[in-house]
């Protein structure tokens, strides 16, 4: 199964930081955040390999340079 890359966890972490910054600015005090939950990282078993693509067929068009 390929890894999910929706960015939801990082967006939630960003929102937590912004909310803490706003609270700190409002109160004038430091706001301590609890540790962020670390989720399991993708493993090498999820690596997707694909063959290289073949170059496209040439188009029968005149050369763009003057010869």
Foldseek 3Di string as FASTA:
>chain_A
DADDDPCPLVVVVVVVVVVQVVVCVVVVDHDDDDDRDDDDDDDPVNDDDDDDDDDDDDDPDDDPDDD
